[in-house]
Amino acid sequence: MTKTPREAWMYSAEFAVAEGDESPLITDRQIEVLDNWLKTTYEGSAQRTSLGWRASVKVYAGGEIFNLERAGGKGKKVVETCNDGVNFPRCAMVSQQAIQYDTYCAQLETLSVSELLGTAEVCGQLGITRQRLHQLRQSGKFPEPDRKLAATALWMRATLHDFTIGWRRTPGPEPRTSDLDDIFGTAS
């Protein structure tokens, strides 16, 4: 008997810590714990952003979950519960999205080559060695690849851009703003 795949949706939300907020800072360890929790339990992920953090979860159809709206509601509850579980401060949700999982995968498949960076390009653009990139990935401080082709990890420029905003290169000088503009094609 062939099993038919269940319908699924991908829910993601971004949260922002208000400037000047005196609530506790979000630690790299909290992001790592949230990311591991979401990966193992909900086929999702979490990562730091320039404003705070982003979390995503996969929501399957079943019971009360049978359309996009209900999947979005379930995804929101799951993300908020997980945020509370790692003691994130109460912050404003600045964006949220629920999308059919098939559509989400199709979008990843259709990324243009110019939007993707491999390991060598990431290292060159950030001014770090492959070893340092490996250390950042092992520590959970670097975002997971957006795509993997055989043994090659690929990141979207937007993912790398979000990472560099909150990241401080140590040791050594921070990249010049003009270098970041070159990396992300934001120079005018």
N, C-alpha and C. Protein backbone atom coordinates (compact mmCIF):
# COMPACT_ATOMS: atom_id res chain seq x y z
N MET A 1 0.84 -1.18 0.00
CA MET A 1 0.00 0.00 0.00
C MET A 1 0.89 1.25 0.00
N THR A 2 0.65 2.13 -0.95
CA THR A 2 1.45 3.34 -1.07
C THR A 2 0.88 4.43 -0.17
N LYS A 3 1.77 5.03 0.56
CA LYS A 3 1.36 6.11 1.46
C LYS A 3 1.38 7.43 0.69
N THR A 4 0.29 8.18 0.74
CA THR A 4 0.27 9.49 0.08
C THR A 4 0.84 10.52 1.03
N PRO A 5 1.65 11.44 0.50
CA PRO A 5 2.25 12.46 1.37
C PRO A 5 1.16 13.37 1.95
N ARG A 6 1.36 13.76 3.19
CA ARG A 6 0.45 14.68 3.85
C ARG A 6 0.74 16.09 3.38
N GLU A 7 -0.30 16.88 3.28
CA GLU A 7 -0.10 18.28 2.94
C GLU A 7 0.64 18.96 4.08
N ALA A 8 1.52 19.90 3.73
CA ALA A 8 2.30 20.59 4.76
C ALA A 8 2.51 22.05 4.35
N TRP A 9 2.80 22.87 5.35
CA TRP A 9 3.07 24.29 5.16
C TRP A 9 4.33 24.66 5.92
N MET A 10 4.98 25.71 5.47
CA MET A 10 6.15 26.24 6.18
C MET A 10 5.72 27.58 6.77
N TYR A 11 5.88 27.72 8.08
CA TYR A 11 5.54 28.96 8.76
C TYR A 11 6.84 29.59 9.25
N SER A 12 7.00 30.89 9.04
CA SER A 12 8.17 31.58 9.57
C SER A 12 7.75 32.92 10.14
N ALA A 13 8.48 33.34 11.16
CA ALA A 13 8.20 34.62 11.81
C ALA A 13 9.52 35.27 12.20
N GLU A 14 9.55 36.58 12.11
CA GLU A 14 10.73 37.34 12.52
C GLU A 14 10.36 38.24 13.68
N PHE A 15 11.22 38.26 14.69
CA PHE A 15 10.99 39.04 15.90
C PHE A 15 12.09 40.08 16.05
N ALA A 16 11.73 41.25 16.56
CA ALA A 16 12.70 42.35 16.71
C ALA A 16 12.76 42.80 18.16
N VAL A 17 13.97 42.99 18.62
CA VAL A 17 14.21 43.58 19.94
C VAL A 17 14.22 45.08 19.73
N ALA A 18 13.42 45.81 20.48
CA ALA A 18 13.33 47.26 20.32
C ALA A 18 14.65 47.91 20.73
N GLU A 19 15.05 48.94 19.97
CA GLU A 19 16.26 49.67 20.33
C GLU A 19 16.10 50.27 21.71
N GLY A 20 17.13 50.18 22.50
CA GLY A 20 17.09 50.74 23.84
C GLY A 20 16.31 49.88 24.82
N ASP A 21 15.84 48.71 24.39
CA ASP A 21 15.10 47.82 25.28
C ASP A 21 16.04 47.31 26.36
N GLU A 22 15.61 47.40 27.59
CA GLU A 22 16.46 46.99 28.70
C GLU A 22 16.26 45.53 29.08
N SER A 23 15.46 44.80 28.29
CA SER A 23 15.27 43.39 28.58
C SER A 23 16.57 42.65 28.27
N PRO A 24 16.72 41.43 28.79
CA PRO A 24 17.96 40.70 28.57
C PRO A 24 18.25 40.48 27.09
N LEU A 25 19.52 40.49 26.75
CA LEU A 25 19.93 40.24 25.37
C LEU A 25 19.73 38.78 25.02
N ILE A 26 19.56 38.52 23.75
CA ILE A 26 19.42 37.16 23.27
C ILE A 26 20.83 36.62 23.05
N THR A 27 21.12 35.49 23.65
CA THR A 27 22.46 34.93 23.54
C THR A 27 22.56 33.97 22.36
N ASP A 28 23.79 33.76 21.91
CA ASP A 28 24.03 32.79 20.83
C ASP A 28 23.59 31.40 21.28
N ARG A 29 23.77 31.10 22.55
CA ARG A 29 23.36 29.79 23.08
C ARG A 29 21.84 29.61 22.97
N GLN A 30 21.08 30.65 23.26
CA GLN A 30 19.62 30.56 23.13
C GLN A 30 19.22 30.29 21.68
N ILE A 31 19.87 31.00 20.74
CA ILE A 31 19.58 30.79 19.32
C ILE A 31 19.91 29.34 18.94
N GLU A 32 21.05 28.85 19.42
CA GLU A 32 21.47 27.48 19.11
C GLU A 32 20.47 26.47 19.67
N VAL A 33 20.02 26.67 20.91
CA VAL A 33 19.06 25.75 21.53
C VAL A 33 17.74 25.79 20.76
N LEU A 34 17.27 26.99 20.43
CA LEU A 34 16.02 27.12 19.67
C LEU A 34 16.15 26.44 18.30
N ASP A 35 17.27 26.67 17.62
CA ASP A 35 17.49 26.07 16.31
C ASP A 35 17.46 24.55 16.40
N ASN A 36 18.16 23.99 17.37
CA ASN A 36 18.18 22.53 17.53
C ASN A 36 16.78 21.99 17.85
N TRP A 37 16.05 22.68 18.70
CA TRP A 37 14.70 22.27 19.07
C TRP A 37 13.78 22.27 17.84
N LEU A 38 13.84 23.36 17.08
CA LEU A 38 12.98 23.47 15.91
C LEU A 38 13.35 22.44 14.84
N LYS A 39 14.65 22.19 14.66
CA LYS A 39 15.09 21.20 13.67
C LYS A 39 14.61 19.80 14.02
N THR A 40 14.85 19.40 15.26
CA THR A 40 14.56 18.02 15.63
C THR A 40 13.07 17.76 15.83
N THR A 41 12.33 18.74 16.27
CA THR A 41 10.92 18.52 16.58
C THR A 41 9.98 18.96 15.47
N TYR A 42 10.32 20.05 14.77
CA TYR A 42 9.38 20.64 13.81
C TYR A 42 9.95 20.82 12.41
N GLU A 43 11.10 20.21 12.11
CA GLU A 43 11.74 20.34 10.81
C GLU A 43 11.91 21.81 10.43
N GLY A 44 12.25 22.62 11.41
CA GLY A 44 12.39 24.06 11.19
C GLY A 44 13.79 24.54 11.48
N SER A 45 13.90 25.83 11.76
CA SER A 45 15.21 26.41 12.05
C SER A 45 15.03 27.74 12.77
N ALA A 46 16.12 28.23 13.32
CA ALA A 46 16.14 29.55 13.94
C ALA A 46 17.50 30.16 13.66
N GLN A 47 17.51 31.47 13.48
CA GLN A 47 18.77 32.16 13.28
C GLN A 47 18.63 33.61 13.72
N ARG A 48 19.76 34.16 14.09
CA ARG A 48 19.82 35.56 14.48
C ARG A 48 19.65 36.42 13.23
N THR A 49 19.00 37.56 13.40
CA THR A 49 18.87 38.54 12.32
C THR A 49 19.40 39.87 12.82
N SER A 50 19.39 40.86 11.96
CA SER A 50 19.87 42.18 12.36
C SER A 50 18.99 42.79 13.45
N LEU A 51 17.72 42.42 13.49
CA LEU A 51 16.79 43.00 14.46
C LEU A 51 16.57 42.13 15.68
N GLY A 52 16.75 40.85 15.56
CA GLY A 52 16.47 39.92 16.65
C GLY A 52 16.72 38.50 16.22
N TRP A 53 15.62 37.79 15.82
CA TRP A 53 15.77 36.44 15.35
C TRP A 53 14.60 36.06 14.45
N ARG A 54 14.83 34.99 13.67
CA ARG A 54 13.82 34.43 12.78
C ARG A 54 13.69 32.96 13.12
N ALA A 55 12.45 32.46 13.14
CA ALA A 55 12.19 31.05 13.40
C ALA A 55 11.20 30.52 12.37
N SER A 56 11.37 29.25 11.99
CA SER A 56 10.44 28.64 11.05
C SER A 56 10.16 27.20 11.47
N VAL A 57 8.96 26.74 11.14
CA VAL A 57 8.56 25.37 11.45
C VAL A 57 7.72 24.81 10.30
N LYS A 58 7.75 23.50 10.18
CA LYS A 58 6.93 22.82 9.19
C LYS A 58 5.67 22.33 9.91
N VAL A 59 4.51 22.63 9.33
CA VAL A 59 3.23 22.27 9.93
C VAL A 59 2.53 21.30 8.98
N TYR A 60 2.13 20.13 9.50
CA TYR A 60 1.45 19.12 8.69
C TYR A 60 -0.06 19.21 8.86
N ALA A 61 -0.77 18.83 7.80
CA ALA A 61 -2.23 18.77 7.83
C ALA A 61 -2.65 17.63 8.76
N GLY A 62 -3.78 17.83 9.38
CA GLY A 62 -4.34 16.80 10.25
C GLY A 62 -5.20 17.44 11.32
N GLY A 63 -6.27 16.77 11.69
CA GLY A 63 -7.16 17.29 12.72
C GLY A 63 -7.71 18.65 12.34
N GLU A 64 -7.41 19.64 13.14
CA GLU A 64 -7.91 21.00 12.91
C GLU A 64 -7.10 21.76 11.86
N ILE A 65 -5.99 21.20 11.43
CA ILE A 65 -5.11 21.88 10.48
C ILE A 65 -5.40 21.35 9.08
N PHE A 66 -6.11 22.16 8.29
CA PHE A 66 -6.47 21.70 6.96
C PHE A 66 -6.35 22.79 5.90
N ASN A 67 -5.93 24.00 6.28
CA ASN A 67 -5.73 25.06 5.29
C ASN A 67 -4.61 25.99 5.73
N LEU A 68 -4.26 26.90 4.86
CA LEU A 68 -3.14 27.81 5.11
C LEU A 68 -3.35 28.65 6.37
N GLU A 69 -4.54 29.16 6.56
CA GLU A 69 -4.82 30.01 7.73
C GLU A 69 -4.62 29.23 9.04
N ARG A 70 -5.13 28.01 9.08
CA ARG A 70 -4.99 27.21 10.31
C ARG A 70 -3.54 26.77 10.51
N ALA A 71 -2.85 26.49 9.42
CA ALA A 71 -1.43 26.13 9.52
C ALA A 71 -0.63 27.31 10.06
N GLY A 72 -0.96 28.52 9.60
CA GLY A 72 -0.29 29.72 10.11
C GLY A 72 -0.54 29.91 11.59
N GLY A 73 -1.77 29.69 12.03
CA GLY A 73 -2.10 29.81 13.46
C GLY A 73 -1.34 28.79 14.29
N LYS A 74 -1.28 27.54 13.80
CA LYS A 74 -0.54 26.49 14.51
C LYS A 74 0.95 26.82 14.54
N GLY A 75 1.51 27.24 13.41
CA GLY A 75 2.92 27.59 13.35
C GLY A 75 3.26 28.71 14.32
N LYS A 76 2.40 29.72 14.39
CA LYS A 76 2.63 30.83 15.31
C LYS A 76 2.65 30.35 16.76
N LYS A 77 1.71 29.49 17.13
CA LYS A 77 1.68 28.96 18.50
C LYS A 77 2.94 28.18 18.81
N VAL A 78 3.36 27.34 17.87
CA VAL A 78 4.55 26.52 18.08
C VAL A 78 5.78 27.42 18.27
N VAL A 79 5.97 28.39 17.38
CA VAL A 79 7.14 29.28 17.47
C VAL A 79 7.12 30.06 18.78
N GLU A 80 5.97 30.61 19.16
CA GLU A 80 5.90 31.37 20.40
C GLU A 80 6.16 30.49 21.62
N THR A 81 5.66 29.26 21.61
CA THR A 81 5.92 28.33 22.71
C THR A 81 7.41 28.02 22.81
N CYS A 82 8.05 27.77 21.67
CA CYS A 82 9.48 27.48 21.66
C CYS A 82 10.29 28.70 22.11
N ASN A 83 9.89 29.91 21.67
CA ASN A 83 10.57 31.13 22.11
C ASN A 83 10.51 31.24 23.62
N ASP A 84 9.34 30.99 24.19
CA ASP A 84 9.18 31.02 25.66
C ASP A 84 10.04 29.95 26.31
N GLY A 85 10.14 28.79 25.66
CA GLY A 85 10.90 27.68 26.21
C GLY A 85 12.38 27.96 26.36
N VAL A 86 12.91 28.85 25.54
CA VAL A 86 14.33 29.21 25.66
C VAL A 86 14.49 30.59 26.31
N ASN A 87 13.40 31.07 26.90
CA ASN A 87 13.40 32.34 27.66
C ASN A 87 13.78 33.55 26.84
N PHE A 88 13.31 33.61 25.59
CA PHE A 88 13.51 34.82 24.81
C PHE A 88 12.65 35.93 25.40
N PRO A 89 13.13 37.17 25.36
CA PRO A 89 12.30 38.27 25.86
C PRO A 89 11.09 38.47 24.95
N ARG A 90 10.03 39.01 25.51
CA ARG A 90 8.85 39.34 24.69
C ARG A 90 9.25 40.46 23.74
N CYS A 91 9.10 40.20 22.47
CA CYS A 91 9.48 41.16 21.44
C CYS A 91 8.39 41.25 20.39
N ALA A 92 8.46 42.30 19.61
CA ALA A 92 7.48 42.50 18.54
C ALA A 92 7.74 41.53 17.39
N MET A 93 6.67 40.93 16.88
CA MET A 93 6.77 40.13 15.67
C MET A 93 6.69 41.12 14.51
N VAL A 94 7.75 41.20 13.71
CA VAL A 94 7.77 42.19 12.64
C VAL A 94 7.32 41.62 11.30
N SER A 95 7.33 40.29 11.18
CA SER A 95 6.81 39.68 9.96
C SER A 95 6.49 38.22 10.23
N GLN A 96 5.55 37.70 9.47
CA GLN A 96 5.24 36.28 9.53
C GLN A 96 4.72 35.84 8.17
N GLN A 97 4.92 34.57 7.87
CA GLN A 97 4.49 34.05 6.58
C GLN A 97 4.18 32.57 6.73
N ALA A 98 3.10 32.15 6.12
CA ALA A 98 2.79 30.73 5.98
C ALA A 98 2.68 30.46 4.49
N ILE A 99 3.31 29.40 4.05
CA ILE A 99 3.33 29.09 2.63
C ILE A 99 3.28 27.57 2.48
N GLN A 100 2.64 27.09 1.41
CA GLN A 100 2.61 25.65 1.19
C GLN A 100 4.04 25.14 1.06
N TYR A 101 4.31 24.01 1.68
CA TYR A 101 5.66 23.48 1.70
C TYR A 101 6.18 23.21 0.29
N ASP A 102 5.33 22.71 -0.60
CA ASP A 102 5.75 22.46 -1.99
C ASP A 102 6.20 23.76 -2.66
N THR A 103 5.48 24.84 -2.40
CA THR A 103 5.83 26.14 -2.97
C THR A 103 7.15 26.62 -2.40
N TYR A 104 7.33 26.45 -1.09
CA TYR A 104 8.57 26.81 -0.41
C TYR A 104 9.76 26.08 -1.06
N CYS A 105 9.62 24.78 -1.26
CA CYS A 105 10.70 24.00 -1.90
C CYS A 105 10.94 24.45 -3.33
N ALA A 106 9.87 24.73 -4.06
CA ALA A 106 10.01 25.18 -5.44
C ALA A 106 10.76 26.51 -5.51
N GLN A 107 10.49 27.40 -4.55
CA GLN A 107 11.22 28.68 -4.53
C GLN A 107 12.70 28.45 -4.32
N LEU A 108 13.05 27.52 -3.45
CA LEU A 108 14.47 27.21 -3.23
C LEU A 108 15.10 26.63 -4.50
N GLU A 109 14.34 25.82 -5.22
CA GLU A 109 14.85 25.19 -6.44
C GLU A 109 15.10 26.20 -7.55
N THR A 110 14.34 27.29 -7.57
CA THR A 110 14.43 28.25 -8.68
C THR A 110 15.33 29.44 -8.38
N LEU A 111 16.08 29.38 -7.30
CA LEU A 111 16.99 30.48 -7.01
C LEU A 111 18.00 30.62 -8.14
N SER A 112 18.28 31.84 -8.53
CA SER A 112 19.27 32.04 -9.58
C SER A 112 20.67 31.87 -8.99
N VAL A 113 21.59 31.50 -9.83
CA VAL A 113 22.95 31.27 -9.40
C VAL A 113 23.55 32.51 -8.76
N SER A 114 23.18 33.70 -9.23
CA SER A 114 23.75 34.92 -8.67
C SER A 114 23.29 35.18 -7.24
N GLU A 115 22.22 34.52 -6.79
CA GLU A 115 21.73 34.70 -5.43
C GLU A 115 22.38 33.73 -4.45
N LEU A 116 23.18 32.80 -4.94
CA LEU A 116 23.77 31.77 -4.09
C LEU A 116 25.28 31.95 -3.96
N LEU A 117 25.77 31.64 -2.77
CA LEU A 117 27.21 31.69 -2.49
C LEU A 117 27.65 30.35 -1.95
N GLY A 118 28.75 29.83 -2.49
CA GLY A 118 29.34 28.61 -1.96
C GLY A 118 30.33 28.93 -0.87
N THR A 119 30.95 27.90 -0.33
CA THR A 119 31.89 28.06 0.77
C THR A 119 33.03 29.01 0.41
N ALA A 120 33.62 28.83 -0.76
CA ALA A 120 34.75 29.68 -1.17
C ALA A 120 34.32 31.15 -1.27
N GLU A 121 33.15 31.39 -1.85
CA GLU A 121 32.66 32.78 -1.98
C GLU A 121 32.37 33.39 -0.62
N VAL A 122 31.75 32.62 0.27
CA VAL A 122 31.45 33.12 1.62
C VAL A 122 32.74 33.49 2.33
N CYS A 123 33.72 32.60 2.29
CA CYS A 123 35.00 32.87 2.96
C CYS A 123 35.68 34.10 2.38
N GLY A 124 35.70 34.19 1.06
CA GLY A 124 36.33 35.34 0.41
C GLY A 124 35.63 36.64 0.76
N GLN A 125 34.31 36.63 0.74
CA GLN A 125 33.56 37.85 1.01
C GLN A 125 33.68 38.29 2.47
N LEU A 126 33.73 37.33 3.39
CA LEU A 126 33.81 37.68 4.82
C LEU A 126 35.25 37.88 5.29
N GLY A 127 36.20 37.50 4.45
CA GLY A 127 37.60 37.65 4.83
C GLY A 127 38.00 36.65 5.91
N ILE A 128 37.47 35.42 5.82
CA ILE A 128 37.82 34.38 6.79
C ILE A 128 38.28 33.14 6.04
N THR A 129 38.92 32.24 6.75
CA THR A 129 39.39 31.00 6.15
C THR A 129 38.28 29.95 6.19
N ARG A 130 38.48 28.89 5.43
CA ARG A 130 37.53 27.78 5.47
C ARG A 130 37.46 27.18 6.88
N GLN A 131 38.60 27.15 7.56
CA GLN A 131 38.63 26.62 8.91
C GLN A 131 37.76 27.46 9.85
N ARG A 132 37.86 28.80 9.69
CA ARG A 132 37.05 29.68 10.54
C ARG A 132 35.56 29.51 10.24
N LEU A 133 35.23 29.36 8.97
CA LEU A 133 33.83 29.13 8.60
C LEU A 133 33.35 27.82 9.23
N HIS A 134 34.18 26.80 9.18
CA HIS A 134 33.83 25.52 9.79
C HIS A 134 33.59 25.70 11.29
N GLN A 135 34.46 26.48 11.96
CA GLN A 135 34.29 26.74 13.40
C GLN A 135 32.97 27.45 13.67
N LEU A 136 32.65 28.46 12.87
CA LEU A 136 31.39 29.20 13.05
C LEU A 136 30.19 28.28 12.86
N ARG A 137 30.26 27.42 11.86
CA ARG A 137 29.15 26.49 11.62
C ARG A 137 29.01 25.49 12.75
N GLN A 138 30.14 24.97 13.26
CA GLN A 138 30.09 24.00 14.35
C GLN A 138 29.56 24.62 15.64
N SER A 139 29.83 25.91 15.84
CA SER A 139 29.38 26.58 17.07
C SER A 139 27.91 26.97 17.01
N GLY A 140 27.30 26.84 15.84
CA GLY A 140 25.90 27.23 15.69
C GLY A 140 25.72 28.72 15.47
N LYS A 141 26.81 29.44 15.28
CA LYS A 141 26.72 30.89 15.10
C LYS A 141 26.51 31.29 13.64
N PHE A 142 26.66 30.35 12.75
CA PHE A 142 26.51 30.64 11.32
C PHE A 142 25.25 29.97 10.83
N PRO A 143 24.48 30.63 9.96
CA PRO A 143 23.24 30.01 9.49
C PRO A 143 23.48 28.72 8.71
N GLU A 144 22.54 27.82 8.82
CA GLU A 144 22.59 26.58 8.04
C GLU A 144 22.49 26.93 6.56
N PRO A 145 23.08 26.11 5.70
CA PRO A 145 22.97 26.38 4.26
C PRO A 145 21.51 26.37 3.81
N ASP A 146 21.20 27.21 2.84
CA ASP A 146 19.85 27.23 2.29
C ASP A 146 19.64 26.04 1.36
N ARG A 147 20.71 25.56 0.75
CA ARG A 147 20.65 24.40 -0.15
C ARG A 147 21.92 23.60 0.02
N LYS A 148 21.85 22.32 -0.26
CA LYS A 148 23.04 21.47 -0.30
C LYS A 148 22.98 20.67 -1.59
N LEU A 149 24.06 20.72 -2.33
CA LEU A 149 24.19 19.94 -3.55
C LEU A 149 25.34 18.97 -3.32
N ALA A 150 25.03 17.72 -3.18
CA ALA A 150 26.02 16.69 -2.83
C ALA A 150 26.76 17.16 -1.58
N ALA A 151 28.04 17.48 -1.70
CA ALA A 151 28.81 17.91 -0.54
C ALA A 151 29.00 19.42 -0.49
N THR A 152 28.29 20.15 -1.33
CA THR A 152 28.47 21.59 -1.42
C THR A 152 27.35 22.32 -0.71
N ALA A 153 27.73 23.17 0.25
CA ALA A 153 26.75 24.00 0.96
C ALA A 153 26.59 25.32 0.21
N LEU A 154 25.35 25.79 0.09
CA LEU A 154 25.06 27.04 -0.60
C LEU A 154 24.19 27.92 0.29
N TRP A 155 24.53 29.21 0.34
CA TRP A 155 23.76 30.17 1.11
C TRP A 155 23.23 31.24 0.17
N MET A 156 22.01 31.69 0.42
CA MET A 156 21.47 32.81 -0.33
C MET A 156 22.14 34.08 0.17
N ARG A 157 22.30 35.06 -0.69
CA ARG A 157 22.89 36.33 -0.29
C ARG A 157 22.12 36.96 0.87
N ALA A 158 20.81 36.85 0.85
CA ALA A 158 19.99 37.44 1.91
C ALA A 158 20.29 36.80 3.26
N THR A 159 20.50 35.49 3.29
CA THR A 159 20.82 34.79 4.53
C THR A 159 22.16 35.29 5.06
N LEU A 160 23.14 35.40 4.18
CA LEU A 160 24.46 35.86 4.60
C LEU A 160 24.40 37.32 5.04
N HIS A 161 23.59 38.12 4.36
CA HIS A 161 23.44 39.52 4.72
C HIS A 161 22.89 39.65 6.14
N ASP A 162 21.84 38.89 6.47
CA ASP A 162 21.27 38.92 7.82
C ASP A 162 22.31 38.52 8.85
N PHE A 163 23.14 37.53 8.53
CA PHE A 163 24.17 37.08 9.47
C PHE A 163 25.21 38.18 9.72
N THR A 164 25.67 38.84 8.66
CA THR A 164 26.75 39.81 8.82
C THR A 164 26.34 41.05 9.61
N ILE A 165 25.05 41.37 9.61
CA ILE A 165 24.61 42.55 10.35
C ILE A 165 24.82 42.37 11.84
N GLY A 166 24.52 41.19 12.36
CA GLY A 166 24.67 40.96 13.80
C GLY A 166 26.01 40.38 14.20
N TRP A 167 26.83 40.02 13.22
CA TRP A 167 28.09 39.33 13.50
C TRP A 167 29.23 40.32 13.64
N ARG A 168 30.08 40.08 14.60
CA ARG A 168 31.29 40.87 14.76
C ARG A 168 32.47 39.93 14.58
N ARG A 169 33.26 40.21 13.56
CA ARG A 169 34.41 39.38 13.23
C ARG A 169 35.47 39.55 14.30
N THR A 170 35.88 38.46 14.92
CA THR A 170 36.93 38.50 15.92
C THR A 170 37.88 37.35 15.66
N PRO A 171 39.15 37.46 15.85
CA PRO A 171 39.85 38.73 16.01
C PRO A 171 39.99 39.42 14.66
N GLY A 172 40.47 40.59 14.71
CA GLY A 172 40.71 41.33 13.47
C GLY A 172 39.70 42.42 13.27
N PRO A 173 39.98 43.28 12.29
CA PRO A 173 39.09 44.41 12.04
C PRO A 173 37.77 43.98 11.42
N GLU A 174 36.74 44.76 11.65
CA GLU A 174 35.45 44.51 11.02
C GLU A 174 35.57 44.86 9.54
N PRO A 175 34.82 44.17 8.70
CA PRO A 175 34.85 44.53 7.27
C PRO A 175 34.38 45.96 7.07
N ARG A 176 34.99 46.63 6.11
CA ARG A 176 34.56 47.99 5.80
C ARG A 176 33.18 47.96 5.18
N THR A 177 32.40 49.02 5.39
CA THR A 177 31.06 49.11 4.82
C THR A 177 31.10 48.94 3.32
N SER A 178 32.11 49.50 2.67
CA SER A 178 32.20 49.38 1.21
C SER A 178 32.39 47.92 0.80
N ASP A 179 33.11 47.12 1.64
CA ASP A 179 33.27 45.70 1.35
C ASP A 179 31.93 44.98 1.42
N LEU A 180 31.12 45.31 2.43
CA LEU A 180 29.80 44.68 2.57
C LEU A 180 28.90 45.07 1.41
N ASP A 181 29.02 46.32 0.95
CA ASP A 181 28.22 46.75 -0.20
C ASP A 181 28.58 45.92 -1.44
N ASP A 182 29.89 45.63 -1.59
CA ASP A 182 30.33 44.82 -2.72
C ASP A 182 29.79 43.41 -2.61
N ILE A 183 29.77 42.86 -1.39
CA ILE A 183 29.31 41.50 -1.18
C ILE A 183 27.85 41.35 -1.59
N PHE A 184 27.04 42.28 -1.14
CA PHE A 184 25.60 42.15 -1.31
C PHE A 184 25.04 42.95 -2.44
N GLY A 185 25.91 43.58 -3.21
CA GLY A 185 25.44 44.34 -4.37
C GLY A 185 24.54 45.50 -3.99
N THR A 186 24.81 46.13 -2.81
CA THR A 186 23.97 47.24 -2.37
C THR A 186 24.60 48.59 -2.68
N ALA A 187 25.77 48.57 -3.29
CA ALA A 187 26.41 49.84 -3.64
C ALA A 187 25.60 50.53 -4.73
N SER A 188 25.53 51.84 -4.65
CA SER A 188 24.71 52.56 -5.65
C SER A 188 25.47 52.89 -6.89
